[in-house]
Structure formats: structure tokens, C-alpha cells
Amino acid sequence: MNDSRWSVRNIYLYLVCLITLIMVIVGTAGTVRTAVEFIYPDPGAYFDPYMKEKSASGLTEAEFEDQQQLQQAQQQRQAVLNLVGNVALVVIAGPLYVYHWRKIEMELDEAEALDAGQVS
């Protein structure tokens, strides 16, 4: 019986499956994390409440609020970019994994059919 499971080609296919499966897992975890960032964003209120008029950096209250809004907009933009990147990772790596895994299964089925034909 010829053990074609550990041929160079199948080892390559198994390695591609492993790498793409890890990419799908990382992309899915990143997507969930980014979705949580959208639902529960960072409050971003890092200021001393006792410094109402002027802060140590010389900003007025209006300037400080403008900076907070800008920071929130930047955080939201970064979350969108992270979400798009993670979804793209899953969308690209997922089909690659499925394709290579089916290749392995087809080759194993063919090898079993050949072995069964040789035995009888």
C-alpha cells in the first residue's frame, strides 16, 4: 500500500491549510474585537476635572473639547480600517483554506480508490 498522505505535495497542502486556518482565526478574532470597539468605544476622557479654565498645556475648554472630538473621530476611523482589514483577511484566507483542504481530500480519495483497485 502506497502511503501518499505524506508526499511532498500533500505536506505543502497541509502547510497551506494550517497557515490559512490561522489567518482565518486571527481575522475572526480581530473582527470580533473591532466590533466590540464599535459597541463599547474608549471613553477618552483623560483630563483633570480641577483644571476647568486652562490646562497645563495652555488649552482652553473649547480647544480641549475639539481635541477630544478629533481623537474620537480618529479612533472610529482606525476601528473601521481594522474591521475592513480583518474581514478582508477572513474573506481571502477562508476560500483558500477550503480550496486546499478539498484538494487534500480529493487526492486521498483517489489514492484510496487506486489502492482498492490494486487489492481486488
PDB file of N, CA and C in Angstrom:
ATOM      1  N   MET A   1       0.846  -1.178   0.000  1.00  0.00           N
ATOM      2  CA  MET A   1       0.000   0.000   0.000  1.00  0.00           C
ATOM      3  C   MET A   1       0.893   1.242   0.000  1.00  0.00           C
ATOM      4  N   ASN A   2       0.610   2.153  -0.890  1.00  0.00           N
ATOM      5  CA  ASN A   2       1.387   3.380  -1.044  1.00  0.00           C
ATOM      6  C   ASN A   2       0.800   4.460  -0.152  1.00  0.00           C
ATOM      7  N   ASP A   3       1.584   4.955   0.778  1.00  0.00           N
ATOM      8  CA  ASP A   3       1.090   5.997   1.698  1.00  0.00           C
ATOM      9  C   ASP A   3       1.354   7.362   1.074  1.00  0.00           C
ATOM     10  N   SER A   4       0.353   7.855   0.324  1.00  0.00           N
ATOM     11  CA  SER A   4       0.514   9.136  -0.364  1.00  0.00           C
ATOM     12  C   SER A   4       0.147  10.313   0.523  1.00  0.00           C
ATOM     13  N   ARG A   5      -0.267  10.046   1.759  1.00  0.00           N
ATOM     14  CA  ARG A   5      -0.646  11.127   2.657  1.00  0.00           C
ATOM     15  C   ARG A   5       0.554  12.035   2.957  1.00  0.00           C
ATOM     16  N   TRP A   6       1.750  11.476   3.005  1.00  0.00           N
ATOM     17  CA  TRP A   6       2.917  12.272   3.369  1.00  0.00           C
ATOM     18  C   TRP A   6       3.825  12.552   2.179  1.00  0.00           C
ATOM     19  N   SER A   7       3.252  12.681   1.007  1.00  0.00           N
ATOM     20  CA  SER A   7       4.045  13.097  -0.146  1.00  0.00           C
ATOM     21  C   SER A   7       4.394  14.576   0.015  1.00  0.00           C
ATOM     22  N   VAL A   8       5.362  15.012  -0.754  1.00  0.00           N
ATOM     23  CA  VAL A   8       5.789  16.413  -0.679  1.00  0.00           C
ATOM     24  C   VAL A   8       4.620  17.342  -1.011  1.00  0.00           C
ATOM     25  N   ARG A   9       3.841  16.956  -1.997  1.00  0.00           N
ATOM     26  CA  ARG A   9       2.694  17.778  -2.396  1.00  0.00           C
ATOM     27  C   ARG A   9       1.674  17.885  -1.262  1.00  0.00           C
ATOM     28  N   ASN A  10       1.374  16.776  -0.608  1.00  0.00           N
ATOM     29  CA  ASN A  10       0.396  16.822   0.485  1.00  0.00           C
ATOM     30  C   ASN A  10       0.931  17.567   1.701  1.00  0.00           C
ATOM     31  N   ILE A  11       2.208  17.464   1.964  1.00  0.00           N
ATOM     32  CA  ILE A  11       2.788  18.245   3.067  1.00  0.00           C
ATOM     33  C   ILE A  11       2.632  19.730   2.770  1.00  0.00           C
ATOM     34  N   TYR A  12       2.890  20.108   1.515  1.00  0.00           N
ATOM     35  CA  TYR A  12       2.687  21.503   1.102  1.00  0.00           C
ATOM     36  C   TYR A  12       1.229  21.914   1.315  1.00  0.00           C
ATOM     37  N   LEU A  13       0.297  21.073   0.876  1.00  0.00           N
ATOM     38  CA  LEU A  13      -1.129  21.394   1.023  1.00  0.00           C
ATOM     39  C   LEU A  13      -1.524  21.501   2.490  1.00  0.00           C
ATOM     40  N   TYR A  14      -1.012  20.600   3.326  1.00  0.00           N
ATOM     41  CA  TYR A  14      -1.305  20.683   4.759  1.00  0.00           C
ATOM     42  C   TYR A  14      -0.747  21.971   5.369  1.00  0.00           C
ATOM     43  N   LEU A  15       0.451  22.375   4.958  1.00  0.00           N
ATOM     44  CA  LEU A  15       1.035  23.615   5.483  1.00  0.00           C
ATOM     45  C   LEU A  15       0.222  24.833   5.050  1.00  0.00           C
ATOM     46  N   VAL A  16      -0.215  24.849   3.797  1.00  0.00           N
ATOM     47  CA  VAL A  16      -1.049  25.959   3.327  1.00  0.00           C
ATOM     48  C   VAL A  16      -2.354  25.992   4.124  1.00  0.00           C
ATOM     49  N   CYS A  17      -2.938  24.822   4.362  1.00  0.00           N
ATOM     50  CA  CYS A  17      -4.177  24.764   5.155  1.00  0.00           C
ATOM     51  C   CYS A  17      -3.943  25.283   6.572  1.00  0.00           C
ATOM     52  N   LEU A  18      -2.835  24.904   7.171  1.00  0.00           N
ATOM     53  CA  LEU A  18      -2.537  25.365   8.529  1.00  0.00           C
ATOM     54  C   LEU A  18      -2.385  26.882   8.573  1.00  0.00           C
ATOM     55  N   ILE A  19      -1.630  27.418   7.634  1.00  0.00           N
ATOM     56  CA  ILE A  19      -1.397  28.866   7.619  1.00  0.00           C
ATOM     57  C   ILE A  19      -2.693  29.628   7.364  1.00  0.00           C
ATOM     58  N   THR A  20      -3.481  29.181   6.391  1.00  0.00           N
ATOM     59  CA  THR A  20      -4.725  29.893   6.102  1.00  0.00           C
ATOM     60  C   THR A  20      -5.732  29.734   7.230  1.00  0.00           C
ATOM     61  N   LEU A  21      -5.735  28.594   7.905  1.00  0.00           N
ATOM     62  CA  LEU A  21      -6.629  28.427   9.051  1.00  0.00           C
ATOM     63  C   LEU A  21      -6.246  29.382  10.181  1.00  0.00           C
ATOM     64  N   ILE A  22      -4.960  29.539  10.415  1.00  0.00           N
ATOM     65  CA  ILE A  22      -4.506  30.501  11.429  1.00  0.00           C
ATOM     66  C   ILE A  22      -4.908  31.917  11.022  1.00  0.00           C
ATOM     67  N   MET A  23      -4.791  32.239   9.730  1.00  0.00           N
ATOM     68  CA  MET A  23      -5.191  33.563   9.263  1.00  0.00           C
ATOM     69  C   MET A  23      -6.683  33.799   9.482  1.00  0.00           C
ATOM     70  N   VAL A  24      -7.490  32.785   9.236  1.00  0.00           N
ATOM     71  CA  VAL A  24      -8.939  32.915   9.452  1.00  0.00           C
ATOM     72  C   VAL A  24      -9.230  33.129  10.932  1.00  0.00           C
ATOM     73  N   ILE A  25      -8.553  32.388  11.790  1.00  0.00           N
ATOM     74  CA  ILE A  25      -8.770  32.535  13.240  1.00  0.00           C
ATOM     75  C   ILE A  25      -8.371  33.933  13.698  1.00  0.00           C
ATOM     76  N   VAL A  26      -7.206  34.405  13.267  1.00  0.00           N
ATOM     77  CA  VAL A  26      -6.739  35.744  13.660  1.00  0.00           C
ATOM     78  C   VAL A  26      -7.678  36.814  13.107  1.00  0.00           C
ATOM     79  N   GLY A  27      -8.104  36.669  11.866  1.00  0.00           N
ATOM     80  CA  GLY A  27      -9.024  37.637  11.271  1.00  0.00           C
ATOM     81  C   GLY A  27     -10.369  37.662  11.971  1.00  0.00           C
ATOM     82  N   THR A  28     -10.872  36.494  12.341  1.00  0.00           N
ATOM     83  CA  THR A  28     -12.154  36.430  13.051  1.00  0.00           C
ATOM     84  C   THR A  28     -12.040  37.060  14.433  1.00  0.00           C
ATOM     85  N   ALA A  29     -10.968  36.740  15.143  1.00  0.00           N
ATOM     86  CA  ALA A  29     -10.774  37.341  16.470  1.00  0.00           C
ATOM     87  C   ALA A  29     -10.635  38.858  16.361  1.00  0.00           C
ATOM     88  N   GLY A  30      -9.914  39.339  15.368  1.00  0.00           N
ATOM     89  CA  GLY A  30      -9.771  40.783  15.162  1.00  0.00           C
ATOM     90  C   GLY A  30     -11.088  41.439  14.797  1.00  0.00           C
ATOM     91  N   THR A  31     -11.909  40.749  14.013  1.00  0.00           N
ATOM     92  CA  THR A  31     -13.222  41.285  13.646  1.00  0.00           C
ATOM     93  C   THR A  31     -14.106  41.419  14.879  1.00  0.00           C
ATOM     94  N   VAL A  32     -14.096  40.409  15.726  1.00  0.00           N
ATOM     95  CA  VAL A  32     -14.900  40.471  16.959  1.00  0.00           C
ATOM     96  C   VAL A  32     -14.404  41.602  17.851  1.00  0.00           C
ATOM     97  N   ARG A  33     -13.087  41.721  17.984  1.00  0.00           N
ATOM     98  CA  ARG A  33     -12.527  42.780  18.834  1.00  0.00           C
ATOM     99  C   ARG A  33     -12.902  44.162  18.305  1.00  0.00           C
ATOM    100  N   THR A  34     -12.829  44.358  17.005  1.00  0.00           N
ATOM    101  CA  THR A  34     -13.164  45.647  16.416  1.00  0.00           C
ATOM    102  C   THR A  34     -14.654  45.936  16.539  1.00  0.00           C
ATOM    103  N   ALA A  35     -15.476  44.909  16.401  1.00  0.00           N
ATOM    104  CA  ALA A  35     -16.920  45.097  16.586  1.00  0.00           C
ATOM    105  C   ALA A  35     -17.225  45.532  18.013  1.00  0.00           C
ATOM    106  N   VAL A  36     -16.504  44.979  18.978  1.00  0.00           N
ATOM    107  CA  VAL A  36     -16.685  45.397  20.372  1.00  0.00           C
ATOM    108  C   VAL A  36     -16.233  46.834  20.560  1.00  0.00           C
ATOM    109  N   GLU A  37     -15.185  47.259  19.852  1.00  0.00           N
ATOM    110  CA  GLU A  37     -14.748  48.655  19.927  1.00  0.00           C
ATOM    111  C   GLU A  37     -15.834  49.600  19.433  1.00  0.00           C
ATOM    112  N   PHE A  38     -16.576  49.176  18.415  1.00  0.00           N
ATOM    113  CA  PHE A  38     -17.687  49.999  17.931  1.00  0.00           C
ATOM    114  C   PHE A  38     -18.803  50.081  18.963  1.00  0.00           C
ATOM    115  N   ILE A  39     -19.112  48.961  19.586  1.00  0.00           N
ATOM    116  CA  ILE A  39     -20.209  48.906  20.551  1.00  0.00           C
ATOM    117  C   ILE A  39     -19.830  49.598  21.852  1.00  0.00           C
ATOM    118  N   TYR A  40     -18.607  49.386  22.295  1.00  0.00           N
ATOM    119  CA  TYR A  40     -18.138  49.948  23.566  1.00  0.00           C
ATOM    120  C   TYR A  40     -16.834  50.707  23.326  1.00  0.00           C
ATOM    121  N   PRO A  41     -16.917  51.945  22.804  1.00  0.00           N
ATOM    122  CA  PRO A  41     -15.690  52.689  22.470  1.00  0.00           C
ATOM    123  C   PRO A  41     -14.962  53.188  23.718  1.00  0.00           C
ATOM    124  N   ASP A  42     -13.725  53.543  23.530  1.00  0.00           N
ATOM    125  CA  ASP A  42     -12.905  54.121  24.594  1.00  0.00           C
ATOM    126  C   ASP A  42     -13.487  55.471  24.967  1.00  0.00           C
ATOM    127  N   PRO A  43     -13.755  55.707  26.262  1.00  0.00           N
ATOM    128  CA  PRO A  43     -14.373  56.986  26.641  1.00  0.00           C
ATOM    129  C   PRO A  43     -13.471  58.179  26.339  1.00  0.00           C
ATOM    130  N   GLY A  44     -12.177  58.024  26.438  1.00  0.00           N
ATOM    131  CA  GLY A  44     -11.247  59.067  26.040  1.00  0.00           C
ATOM    132  C   GLY A  44     -11.267  60.324  26.882  1.00  0.00           C
ATOM    133  N   ALA A  45     -11.851  60.289  28.038  1.00  0.00           N
ATOM    134  CA  ALA A  45     -11.915  61.481  28.887  1.00  0.00           C
ATOM    135  C   ALA A  45     -10.732  61.465  29.855  1.00  0.00           C
ATOM    136  N   TYR A  46      -9.578  61.789  29.337  1.00  0.00           N
ATOM    137  CA  TYR A  46      -8.370  61.797  30.155  1.00  0.00           C
ATOM    138  C   TYR A  46      -7.999  63.239  30.486  1.00  0.00           C
ATOM    139  N   PHE A  47      -8.666  63.809  31.455  1.00  0.00           N
ATOM    140  CA  PHE A  47      -8.352  65.183  31.833  1.00  0.00           C
ATOM    141  C   PHE A  47      -8.579  65.344  33.328  1.00  0.00           C
ATOM    142  N   ASP A  48      -8.003  66.397  33.842  1.00  0.00           N
ATOM    143  CA  ASP A  48      -8.123  66.723  35.256  1.00  0.00           C
ATOM    144  C   ASP A  48      -9.343  67.616  35.441  1.00  0.00           C
ATOM    145  N   PRO A  49     -10.349  67.173  36.179  1.00  0.00           N
ATOM    146  CA  PRO A  49     -11.558  67.982  36.327  1.00  0.00           C
ATOM    147  C   PRO A  49     -11.330  69.290  37.083  1.00  0.00           C
ATOM    148  N   TYR A  50     -10.219  69.424  37.788  1.00  0.00           N
ATOM    149  CA  TYR A  50      -9.943  70.638  38.552  1.00  0.00           C
ATOM    150  C   TYR A  50      -9.364  71.750  37.682  1.00  0.00           C
ATOM    151  N   MET A  51      -8.989  71.416  36.470  1.00  0.00           N
ATOM    152  CA  MET A  51      -8.432  72.417  35.559  1.00  0.00           C
ATOM    153  C   MET A  51      -9.500  72.778  34.538  1.00  0.00           C
ATOM    154  N   LYS A  52     -10.457  73.574  34.929  1.00  0.00           N
ATOM    155  CA  LYS A  52     -11.590  73.884  34.052  1.00  0.00           C
ATOM    156  C   LYS A  52     -11.236  74.969  33.035  1.00  0.00           C
ATOM    157  N   GLU A  53     -10.603  76.026  33.447  1.00  0.00           N
ATOM    158  CA  GLU A  53     -10.371  77.159  32.549  1.00  0.00           C
ATOM    159  C   GLU A  53      -9.212  76.907  31.602  1.00  0.00           C
ATOM    160  N   LYS A  54      -8.057  76.673  32.150  1.00  0.00           N
ATOM    161  CA  LYS A  54      -6.872  76.441  31.317  1.00  0.00           C
ATOM    162  C   LYS A  54      -6.134  75.229  31.861  1.00  0.00           C
ATOM    163  N   SER A  55      -5.748  74.338  30.956  1.00  0.00           N
ATOM    164  CA  SER A  55      -4.988  73.169  31.385  1.00  0.00           C
ATOM    165  C   SER A  55      -3.505  73.522  31.411  1.00  0.00           C
ATOM    166  N   ALA A  56      -2.703  72.591  31.849  1.00  0.00           N
ATOM    167  CA  ALA A  56      -1.265  72.825  31.942  1.00  0.00           C
ATOM    168  C   ALA A  56      -0.653  73.029  30.555  1.00  0.00           C
ATOM    169  N   SER A  57      -1.306  72.497  29.511  1.00  0.00           N
ATOM    170  CA  SER A  57      -0.766  72.653  28.169  1.00  0.00           C
ATOM    171  C   SER A  57      -1.194  73.969  27.527  1.00  0.00           C
ATOM    172  N   GLY A  58      -2.034  74.763  28.209  1.00  0.00           N
ATOM    173  CA  GLY A  58      -2.438  76.050  27.685  1.00  0.00           C
ATOM    174  C   GLY A  58      -3.674  75.990  26.807  1.00  0.00           C
ATOM    175  N   LEU A  59      -4.448  74.924  26.858  1.00  0.00           N
ATOM    176  CA  LEU A  59      -5.649  74.801  26.038  1.00  0.00           C
ATOM    177  C   LEU A  59      -6.869  75.311  26.799  1.00  0.00           C
ATOM    178  N   THR A  60      -7.729  75.990  26.099  1.00  0.00           N
ATOM    179  CA  THR A  60      -8.999  76.388  26.715  1.00  0.00           C
ATOM    180  C   THR A  60      -9.931  75.182  26.691  1.00  0.00           C
ATOM    181  N   GLU A  61     -11.065  75.313  27.352  1.00  0.00           N
ATOM    182  CA  GLU A  61     -12.018  74.207  27.426  1.00  0.00           C
ATOM    183  C   GLU A  61     -12.569  73.859  26.038  1.00  0.00           C
ATOM    184  N   ALA A  62     -12.814  74.869  25.220  1.00  0.00           N
ATOM    185  CA  ALA A  62     -13.329  74.625  23.865  1.00  0.00           C
ATOM    186  C   ALA A  62     -12.280  73.901  23.008  1.00  0.00           C
ATOM    187  N   GLU A  63     -11.031  74.319  23.125  1.00  0.00           N
ATOM    188  CA  GLU A  63      -9.965  73.659  22.380  1.00  0.00           C
ATOM    189  C   GLU A  63      -9.798  72.213  22.837  1.00  0.00           C
ATOM    190  N   PHE A  64      -9.930  72.013  24.141  1.00  0.00           N
ATOM    191  CA  PHE A  64      -9.820  70.664  24.692  1.00  0.00           C
ATOM    192  C   PHE A  64     -10.941  69.771  24.161  1.00  0.00           C
ATOM    193  N   GLU A  65     -12.168  70.287  24.101  1.00  0.00           N
ATOM    194  CA  GLU A  65     -13.298  69.524  23.577  1.00  0.00           C
ATOM    195  C   GLU A  65     -13.106  69.223  22.090  1.00  0.00           C
ATOM    196  N   ASP A  66     -12.559  70.191  21.351  1.00  0.00           N
ATOM    197  CA  ASP A  66     -12.276  69.957  19.935  1.00  0.00           C
ATOM    198  C   ASP A  66     -11.254  68.825  19.766  1.00  0.00           C
ATOM    199  N   GLN A  67     -10.244  68.827  20.609  1.00  0.00           N
ATOM    200  CA  GLN A  67      -9.240  67.762  20.544  1.00  0.00           C
ATOM    201  C   GLN A  67      -9.849  66.403  20.892  1.00  0.00           C
ATOM    202  N   GLN A  68     -10.763  66.374  21.863  1.00  0.00           N
ATOM    203  CA  GLN A  68     -11.423  65.119  22.213  1.00  0.00           C
ATOM    204  C   GLN A  68     -12.270  64.606  21.046  1.00  0.00           C
ATOM    205  N   GLN A  69     -12.981  65.493  20.373  1.00  0.00           N
ATOM    206  CA  GLN A  69     -13.796  65.086  19.228  1.00  0.00           C
ATOM    207  C   GLN A  69     -12.907  64.564  18.096  1.00  0.00           C
ATOM    208  N   LEU A  70     -11.791  65.242  17.891  1.00  0.00           N
ATOM    209  CA  LEU A  70     -10.852  64.795  16.874  1.00  0.00           C
ATOM    210  C   LEU A  70     -10.288  63.417  17.227  1.00  0.00           C
ATOM    211  N   GLN A  71      -9.973  63.214  18.488  1.00  0.00           N
ATOM    212  CA  GLN A  71      -9.458  61.921  18.928  1.00  0.00           C
ATOM    213  C   GLN A  71     -10.509  60.820  18.744  1.00  0.00           C
ATOM    214  N   GLN A  72     -11.763  61.115  19.050  1.00  0.00           N
ATOM    215  CA  GLN A  72     -12.822  60.131  18.859  1.00  0.00           C
ATOM    216  C   GLN A  72     -12.998  59.799  17.378  1.00  0.00           C
ATOM    217  N   ALA A  73     -12.921  60.799  16.526  1.00  0.00           N
ATOM    218  CA  ALA A  73     -13.029  60.564  15.085  1.00  0.00           C
ATOM    219  C   ALA A  73     -11.870  59.701  14.590  1.00  0.00           C
ATOM    220  N   GLN A  74     -10.670  59.942  15.101  1.00  0.00           N
ATOM    221  CA  GLN A  74      -9.515  59.141  14.710  1.00  0.00           C
ATOM    222  C   GLN A  74      -9.664  57.698  15.194  1.00  0.00           C
ATOM    223  N   GLN A  75     -10.177  57.514  16.415  1.00  0.00           N
ATOM    224  CA  GLN A  75     -10.398  56.166  16.933  1.00  0.00           C
ATOM    225  C   GLN A  75     -11.442  55.429  16.099  1.00  0.00           C
ATOM    226  N   GLN A  76     -12.492  56.120  15.701  1.00  0.00           N
ATOM    227  CA  GLN A  76     -13.529  55.499  14.881  1.00  0.00           C
ATOM    228  C   GLN A  76     -12.973  55.124  13.508  1.00  0.00           C
ATOM    229  N   ARG A  77     -12.184  56.002  12.931  1.00  0.00           N
ATOM    230  CA  ARG A  77     -11.576  55.710  11.630  1.00  0.00           C
ATOM    231  C   ARG A  77     -10.649  54.506  11.733  1.00  0.00           C
ATOM    232  N   GLN A  78      -9.854  54.456  12.782  1.00  0.00           N
ATOM    233  CA  GLN A  78      -8.943  53.328  12.971  1.00  0.00           C
ATOM    234  C   GLN A  78      -9.719  52.033  13.170  1.00  0.00           C
ATOM    235  N   ALA A  79     -10.839  52.095  13.883  1.00  0.00           N
ATOM    236  CA  ALA A  79     -11.667  50.906  14.084  1.00  0.00           C
ATOM    237  C   ALA A  79     -12.244  50.421  12.757  1.00  0.00           C
ATOM    238  N   VAL A  80     -12.669  51.346  11.903  1.00  0.00           N
ATOM    239  CA  VAL A  80     -13.201  50.969  10.588  1.00  0.00           C
ATOM    240  C   VAL A  80     -12.101  50.312   9.750  1.00  0.00           C
ATOM    241  N   LEU A  81     -10.917  50.895   9.749  1.00  0.00           N
ATOM    242  CA  LEU A  81      -9.807  50.313   8.995  1.00  0.00           C
ATOM    243  C   LEU A  81      -9.452  48.926   9.513  1.00  0.00           C
ATOM    244  N   ASN A  82      -9.442  48.753  10.830  1.00  0.00           N
ATOM    245  CA  ASN A  82      -9.163  47.443  11.413  1.00  0.00           C
ATOM    246  C   ASN A  82     -10.235  46.429  11.024  1.00  0.00           C
ATOM    247  N   LEU A  83     -11.486  46.858  11.071  1.00  0.00           N
ATOM    248  CA  LEU A  83     -12.583  45.966  10.718  1.00  0.00           C
ATOM    249  C   LEU A  83     -12.475  45.527   9.259  1.00  0.00           C
ATOM    250  N   VAL A  84     -12.219  46.466   8.373  1.00  0.00           N
ATOM    251  CA  VAL A  84     -12.091  46.139   6.950  1.00  0.00           C
ATOM    252  C   VAL A  84     -10.904  45.194   6.725  1.00  0.00           C
ATOM    253  N   GLY A  85      -9.802  45.458   7.374  1.00  0.00           N
ATOM    254  CA  GLY A  85      -8.627  44.592   7.226  1.00  0.00           C
ATOM    255  C   GLY A  85      -8.871  43.187   7.727  1.00  0.00           C
ATOM    256  N   ASN A  86      -9.527  43.054   8.864  1.00  0.00           N
ATOM    257  CA  ASN A  86      -9.797  41.733   9.420  1.00  0.00           C
ATOM    258  C   ASN A  86     -10.817  40.964   8.590  1.00  0.00           C
ATOM    259  N   VAL A  87     -11.842  41.653   8.112  1.00  0.00           N
ATOM    260  CA  VAL A  87     -12.834  40.986   7.257  1.00  0.00           C
ATOM    261  C   VAL A  87     -12.173  40.550   5.945  1.00  0.00           C
ATOM    262  N   ALA A  88     -11.313  41.385   5.395  1.00  0.00           N
ATOM    263  CA  ALA A  88     -10.599  41.016   4.166  1.00  0.00           C
ATOM    264  C   ALA A  88      -9.721  39.787   4.402  1.00  0.00           C
ATOM    265  N   LEU A  89      -9.089  39.717   5.553  1.00  0.00           N
ATOM    266  CA  LEU A  89      -8.258  38.559   5.887  1.00  0.00           C
ATOM    267  C   LEU A  89      -9.086  37.282   5.902  1.00  0.00           C
ATOM    268  N   VAL A  90     -10.261  37.336   6.508  1.00  0.00           N
ATOM    269  CA  VAL A  90     -11.138  36.163   6.564  1.00  0.00           C
ATOM    270  C   VAL A  90     -11.668  35.821   5.173  1.00  0.00           C
ATOM    271  N   VAL A  91     -12.070  36.844   4.420  1.00  0.00           N
ATOM    272  CA  VAL A  91     -12.651  36.613   3.092  1.00  0.00           C
ATOM    273  C   VAL A  91     -11.615  36.038   2.125  1.00  0.00           C
ATOM    274  N   ILE A  92     -10.372  36.419   2.258  1.00  0.00           N
ATOM    275  CA  ILE A  92      -9.334  35.902   1.360  1.00  0.00           C
ATOM    276  C   ILE A  92      -8.816  34.546   1.835  1.00  0.00           C
ATOM    277  N   ALA A  93      -8.523  34.414   3.114  1.00  0.00           N
ATOM    278  CA  ALA A  93      -7.917  33.179   3.619  1.00  0.00           C
ATOM    279  C   ALA A  93      -8.928  32.034   3.713  1.00  0.00           C
ATOM    280  N   GLY A  94     -10.185  32.333   3.978  1.00  0.00           N
ATOM    281  CA  GLY A  94     -11.196  31.285   4.119  1.00  0.00           C
ATOM    282  C   GLY A  94     -11.344  30.437   2.868  1.00  0.00           C
ATOM    283  N   PRO A  95     -11.610  31.037   1.712  1.00  0.00           N
ATOM    284  CA  PRO A  95     -11.721  30.222   0.490  1.00  0.00           C
ATOM    285  C   PRO A  95     -10.414  29.501   0.116  1.00  0.00           C
ATOM    286  N   LEU A  96      -9.273  30.121   0.401  1.00  0.00           N
ATOM    287  CA  LEU A  96      -8.005  29.435   0.130  1.00  0.00           C
ATOM    288  C   LEU A  96      -7.880  28.168   0.973  1.00  0.00           C
ATOM    289  N   TYR A  97      -8.281  28.265   2.225  1.00  0.00           N
ATOM    290  CA  TYR A  97      -8.260  27.091   3.095  1.00  0.00           C
ATOM    291  C   TYR A  97      -9.178  25.998   2.549  1.00  0.00           C
ATOM    292  N   VAL A  98     -10.410  26.379   2.223  1.00  0.00           N
ATOM    293  CA  VAL A  98     -11.386  25.400   1.722  1.00  0.00           C
ATOM    294  C   VAL A  98     -10.879  24.759   0.438  1.00  0.00           C
ATOM    295  N   TYR A  99     -10.330  25.535  -0.469  1.00  0.00           N
ATOM    296  CA  TYR A  99      -9.814  25.007  -1.733  1.00  0.00           C
ATOM    297  C   TYR A  99      -8.715  23.972  -1.488  1.00  0.00           C
ATOM    298  N   HIS A 100      -7.734  24.325  -0.666  1.00  0.00           N
ATOM    299  CA  HIS A 100      -6.618  23.412  -0.431  1.00  0.00           C
ATOM    300  C   HIS A 100      -7.049  22.177   0.353  1.00  0.00           C
ATOM    301  N   TRP A 101      -7.965  22.343   1.293  1.00  0.00           N
ATOM    302  CA  TRP A 101      -8.423  21.195   2.061  1.00  0.00           C
ATOM    303  C   TRP A 101      -9.178  20.213   1.153  1.00  0.00           C
ATOM    304  N   ARG A 102      -9.981  20.733   0.238  1.00  0.00           N
ATOM    305  CA  ARG A 102     -10.688  19.861  -0.710  1.00  0.00           C
ATOM    306  C   ARG A 102      -9.701  19.146  -1.635  1.00  0.00           C
ATOM    307  N   LYS A 103      -8.625  19.827  -2.002  1.00  0.00           N
ATOM    308  CA  LYS A 103      -7.590  19.184  -2.810  1.00  0.00           C
ATOM    309  C   LYS A 103      -7.002  17.978  -2.072  1.00  0.00           C
ATOM    310  N   ILE A 104      -6.727  18.155  -0.791  1.00  0.00           N
ATOM    311  CA  ILE A 104      -6.185  17.053   0.012  1.00  0.00           C
ATOM    312  C   ILE A 104      -7.175  15.901   0.040  1.00  0.00           C
ATOM    313  N   GLU A 105      -8.436  16.200   0.313  1.00  0.00           N
ATOM    314  CA  GLU A 105      -9.448  15.142   0.391  1.00  0.00           C
ATOM    315  C   GLU A 105      -9.604  14.421  -0.943  1.00  0.00           C
ATOM    316  N   MET A 106      -9.593  15.169  -2.054  1.00  0.00           N
ATOM    317  CA  MET A 106      -9.726  14.540  -3.377  1.00  0.00           C
ATOM    318  C   MET A 106      -8.548  13.616  -3.659  1.00  0.00           C
ATOM    319  N   GLU A 107      -7.349  14.050  -3.332  1.00  0.00           N
ATOM    320  CA  GLU A 107      -6.181  13.217  -3.582  1.00  0.00           C
ATOM    321  C   GLU A 107      -6.175  11.981  -2.698  1.00  0.00           C
ATOM    322  N   LEU A 108      -6.628  12.114  -1.460  1.00  0.00           N
ATOM    323  CA  LEU A 108      -6.710  10.945  -0.592  1.00  0.00           C
ATOM    324  C   LEU A 108      -7.757   9.961  -1.086  1.00  0.00           C
ATOM    325  N   ASP A 109      -8.891  10.479  -1.565  1.00  0.00           N
ATOM    326  CA  ASP A 109      -9.930   9.610  -2.125  1.00  0.00           C
ATOM    327  C   ASP A 109      -9.420   8.874  -3.366  1.00  0.00           C
ATOM    328  N   GLU A 110      -8.687   9.588  -4.218  1.00  0.00           N
ATOM    329  CA  GLU A 110      -8.119   8.961  -5.403  1.00  0.00           C
ATOM    330  C   GLU A 110      -7.109   7.887  -5.026  1.00  0.00           C
ATOM    331  N   ALA A 111      -6.284   8.166  -4.033  1.00  0.00           N
ATOM    332  CA  ALA A 111      -5.295   7.190  -3.591  1.00  0.00           C
ATOM    333  C   ALA A 111      -5.975   5.957  -3.006  1.00  0.00           C
ATOM    334  N   GLU A 112      -7.048   6.156  -2.249  1.00  0.00           N
ATOM    335  CA  GLU A 112      -7.788   5.020  -1.693  1.00  0.00           C
ATOM    336  C   GLU A 112      -8.441   4.210  -2.798  1.00  0.00           C
ATOM    337  N   ALA A 113      -8.953   4.878  -3.823  1.00  0.00           N
ATOM    338  CA  ALA A 113      -9.572   4.172  -4.944  1.00  0.00           C
ATOM    339  C   ALA A 113      -8.536   3.350  -5.702  1.00  0.00           C
ATOM    340  N   LEU A 114      -7.351   3.909  -5.893  1.00  0.00           N
ATOM    341  CA  LEU A 114      -6.270   3.159  -6.551  1.00  0.00           C
ATOM    342  C   LEU A 114      -5.844   1.971  -5.723  1.00  0.00           C
ATOM    343  N   ASP A 115      -5.734   2.159  -4.406  1.00  0.00           N
ATOM    344  CA  ASP A 115      -5.348   1.053  -3.523  1.00  0.00           C
ATOM    345  C   ASP A 115      -6.413  -0.036  -3.527  1.00  0.00           C
ATOM    346  N   ALA A 116      -7.671   0.364  -3.539  1.00  0.00           N
ATOM    347  CA  ALA A 116      -8.750  -0.629  -3.560  1.00  0.00           C
ATOM    348  C   ALA A 116      -8.753  -1.382  -4.885  1.00  0.00           C
ATOM    349  N   GLY A 117      -8.433  -0.695  -5.984  1.00  0.00           N
ATOM    350  CA  GLY A 117      -8.364  -1.340  -7.292  1.00  0.00           C
ATOM    351  C   GLY A 117      -7.199  -2.309  -7.386  1.00  0.00           C
ATOM    352  N   GLN A 118      -6.105  -2.036  -6.735  1.00  0.00           N
ATOM    353  CA  GLN A 118      -4.942  -2.906  -6.762  1.00  0.00           C
ATOM    354  C   GLN A 118      -5.155  -4.149  -5.901  1.00  0.00           C
ATOM    355  N   VAL A 119      -5.911  -4.001  -4.808  1.00  0.00           N
ATOM    356  CA  VAL A 119      -6.133  -5.114  -3.887  1.00  0.00           C
ATOM    357  C   VAL A 119      -7.036  -6.156  -4.513  1.00  0.00           C
ATOM    358  N   SER A 120      -8.089  -5.736  -5.221  1.00  0.00           N
ATOM    359  CA  SER A 120      -9.034  -6.713  -5.771  1.00  0.00           C
ATOM    360  C   SER A 120      -8.624  -7.269  -7.081  1.00  0.00           C
TER     361      SER A 120
END
